[in-house]
Amino acid sequence: MVQVVTVRDREAGNVIECFDSVSAAAEAVRSYEDCDKKDGIFVEGFYEIVKNEHAAALGAIKSDKKASAARKNGKKGGFDSSRLCLVF
């Protein structure tokens, strides 16, 4: 199974972005917090990092990226995630 790490808001649990590592998610949170500070809306602890949320969806998208690369090289297969809409 693909490890999935999501960043979401702690209050409502809305998913903001998905990553495949905790370090990538932590870097994104630092960036979000920097932007929030610049915009004057920073709230300590607003973002949370949660492991293994939506693993199947991210796995499907990663599989499709491989299929897309194969299609560009003249091979057939996979589905097109550019037409995929995920609602969390």
C-alpha atoms as a PDB file:
ATOM      1  CA  MET A   1       0.000   0.000   0.000  1.00  0.00           C
ATOM      2  CA  VAL A   2       1.137   3.523  -0.729  1.00  0.00           C
ATOM      3  CA  GLN A   3       1.867   5.611   2.353  1.00  0.00           C
ATOM      4  CA  VAL A   4      -0.194   8.758   2.211  1.00  0.00           C
ATOM      5  CA  VAL A   5       0.187  11.771   4.430  1.00  0.00           C
ATOM      6  CA  THR A   6      -2.463  14.459   4.376  1.00  0.00           C
ATOM      7  CA  VAL A   7      -2.358  18.003   5.630  1.00  0.00           C
ATOM      8  CA  ARG A   8      -5.705  19.178   6.877  1.00  0.00           C
ATOM      9  CA  ASP A   9      -7.160  21.867   9.069  1.00  0.00           C
ATOM     10  CA  ARG A  10      -7.460  20.715  12.661  1.00  0.00           C
ATOM     11  CA  GLU A  11     -10.861  22.344  13.307  1.00  0.00           C
ATOM     12  CA  ALA A  12     -12.977  20.747  10.566  1.00  0.00           C
ATOM     13  CA  GLY A  13     -10.636  18.103   9.145  1.00  0.00           C
ATOM     14  CA  ASN A  14     -10.769  19.501   5.617  1.00  0.00           C
ATOM     15  CA  VAL A  15      -8.005  17.965   3.509  1.00  0.00           C
ATOM     16  CA  ILE A  16      -5.727  20.644   2.094  1.00  0.00           C
ATOM     17  CA  GLU A  17      -3.118  18.572   0.288  1.00  0.00           C
ATOM     18  CA  CYS A  18      -1.777  14.991   0.084  1.00  0.00           C
ATOM     19  CA  PHE A  19       1.877  13.907   0.116  1.00  0.00           C
ATOM     20  CA  ASP A  20       3.792  10.652   0.066  1.00  0.00           C
ATOM     21  CA  SER A  21       6.068  11.546   3.010  1.00  0.00           C
ATOM     22  CA  VAL A  22       5.823  13.227   6.389  1.00  0.00           C
ATOM     23  CA  SER A  23       8.794  15.452   5.569  1.00  0.00           C
ATOM     24  CA  ALA A  24       7.084  16.804   2.430  1.00  0.00           C
ATOM     25  CA  ALA A  25       3.904  17.461   4.413  1.00  0.00           C
ATOM     26  CA  ALA A  26       5.842  19.211   7.201  1.00  0.00           C
ATOM     27  CA  GLU A  27       7.598  21.425   4.637  1.00  0.00           C
ATOM     28  CA  ALA A  28       4.216  22.368   3.165  1.00  0.00           C
ATOM     29  CA  VAL A  29       2.817  23.210   6.613  1.00  0.00           C
ATOM     30  CA  ARG A  30       5.782  25.523   7.264  1.00  0.00           C
ATOM     31  CA  SER A  31       5.060  27.215   3.938  1.00  0.00           C
ATOM     32  CA  TYR A  32       1.335  27.558   4.710  1.00  0.00           C
ATOM     33  CA  GLU A  33       2.133  29.029   8.129  1.00  0.00           C
ATOM     34  CA  ASP A  34       4.616  31.509   6.626  1.00  0.00           C
ATOM     35  CA  CYS A  35       1.950  32.666   4.164  1.00  0.00           C
ATOM     36  CA  ASP A  36      -0.646  32.889   6.935  1.00  0.00           C
ATOM     37  CA  LYS A  37       1.743  35.038   9.017  1.00  0.00           C
ATOM     38  CA  LYS A  38       2.344  37.372   6.060  1.00  0.00           C
ATOM     39  CA  ASP A  39      -1.408  37.633   5.507  1.00  0.00           C
ATOM     40  CA  GLY A  40      -2.050  38.313   9.210  1.00  0.00           C
ATOM     41  CA  ILE A  41      -4.265  35.218   9.665  1.00  0.00           C
ATOM     42  CA  PHE A  42      -1.859  32.829  11.407  1.00  0.00           C
ATOM     43  CA  VAL A  43      -3.420  30.551  14.034  1.00  0.00           C
ATOM     44  CA  GLU A  44      -1.068  28.301  16.025  1.00  0.00           C
ATOM     45  CA  GLY A  45      -1.869  24.604  15.446  1.00  0.00           C
ATOM     46  CA  PHE A  46      -4.333  25.243  12.611  1.00  0.00           C
ATOM     47  CA  TYR A  47      -2.795  22.575  10.359  1.00  0.00           C
ATOM     48  CA  GLU A  48      -2.367  18.914  11.226  1.00  0.00           C
ATOM     49  CA  ILE A  49      -0.520  16.105   9.482  1.00  0.00           C
ATOM     50  CA  VAL A  50      -2.313  12.750   9.332  1.00  0.00           C
ATOM     51  CA  LYS A  51      -0.825   9.517   7.978  1.00  0.00           C
ATOM     52  CA  ASN A  52      -2.599   7.027   5.694  1.00  0.00           C
ATOM     53  CA  GLU A  53      -5.633   9.061   4.715  1.00  0.00           C
ATOM     54  CA  HIS A  54      -6.976   8.432   1.190  1.00  0.00           C
ATOM     55  CA  ALA A  55      -4.303   5.838   0.388  1.00  0.00           C
ATOM     56  CA  ALA A  56      -6.285   4.245  -2.430  1.00  0.00           C
ATOM     57  CA  ALA A  57      -6.840   7.572  -4.198  1.00  0.00           C
ATOM     58  CA  LEU A  58      -3.176   8.560  -4.154  1.00  0.00           C
ATOM     59  CA  GLY A  59      -2.161   5.071  -5.259  1.00  0.00           C
ATOM     60  CA  ALA A  60      -4.501   5.335  -8.225  1.00  0.00           C
ATOM     61  CA  ILE A  61      -3.086   8.706  -9.214  1.00  0.00           C
ATOM     62  CA  LYS A  62       0.506   7.454  -8.967  1.00  0.00           C
ATOM     63  CA  SER A  63      -0.410   4.447 -11.113  1.00  0.00           C
ATOM     64  CA  ASP A  64      -1.975   6.753 -13.663  1.00  0.00           C
ATOM     65  CA  LYS A  65       1.178   8.878 -13.864  1.00  0.00           C
ATOM     66  CA  LYS A  66       3.056   5.771 -14.948  1.00  0.00           C
ATOM     67  CA  ALA A  67       0.333   4.968 -17.488  1.00  0.00           C
ATOM     68  CA  SER A  68       0.440   8.556 -18.787  1.00  0.00           C
ATOM     69  CA  ALA A  69       4.179   8.274 -19.317  1.00  0.00           C
ATOM     70  CA  ALA A  70       3.653   4.995 -21.175  1.00  0.00           C
ATOM     71  CA  ARG A  71       0.990   6.594 -23.403  1.00  0.00           C
ATOM     72  CA  LYS A  72       3.384   9.419 -24.272  1.00  0.00           C
ATOM     73  CA  ASN A  73       5.825   6.766 -25.431  1.00  0.00           C
ATOM     74  CA  GLY A  74       3.211   5.198 -27.710  1.00  0.00           C
ATOM     75  CA  LYS A  75       1.974   2.468 -25.347  1.00  0.00           C
ATOM     76  CA  LYS A  76      -1.624   1.890 -24.306  1.00  0.00           C
ATOM     77  CA  GLY A  77      -3.042   1.419 -20.825  1.00  0.00           C
ATOM     78  CA  GLY A  78      -4.202   3.071 -17.623  1.00  0.00           C
ATOM     79  CA  PHE A  79      -6.852   5.659 -17.005  1.00  0.00           C
ATOM     80  CA  ASP A  80      -6.638   9.415 -17.289  1.00  0.00           C
ATOM     81  CA  SER A  81      -6.529  11.114 -13.864  1.00  0.00           C
ATOM     82  CA  SER A  82      -6.819  14.539 -15.494  1.00  0.00           C
ATOM     83  CA  ARG A  83     -10.519  13.694 -15.670  1.00  0.00           C
ATOM     84  CA  LEU A  84     -10.611  12.461 -12.077  1.00  0.00           C
ATOM     85  CA  CYS A  85     -12.219  14.632  -9.434  1.00  0.00           C
ATOM     86  CA  LEU A  86     -11.606  13.634  -5.822  1.00  0.00           C
ATOM     87  CA  VAL A  87     -13.887  15.061  -3.153  1.00  0.00           C
ATOM     88  CA  PHE A  88     -12.869  14.502   0.447  1.00  0.00           C
END
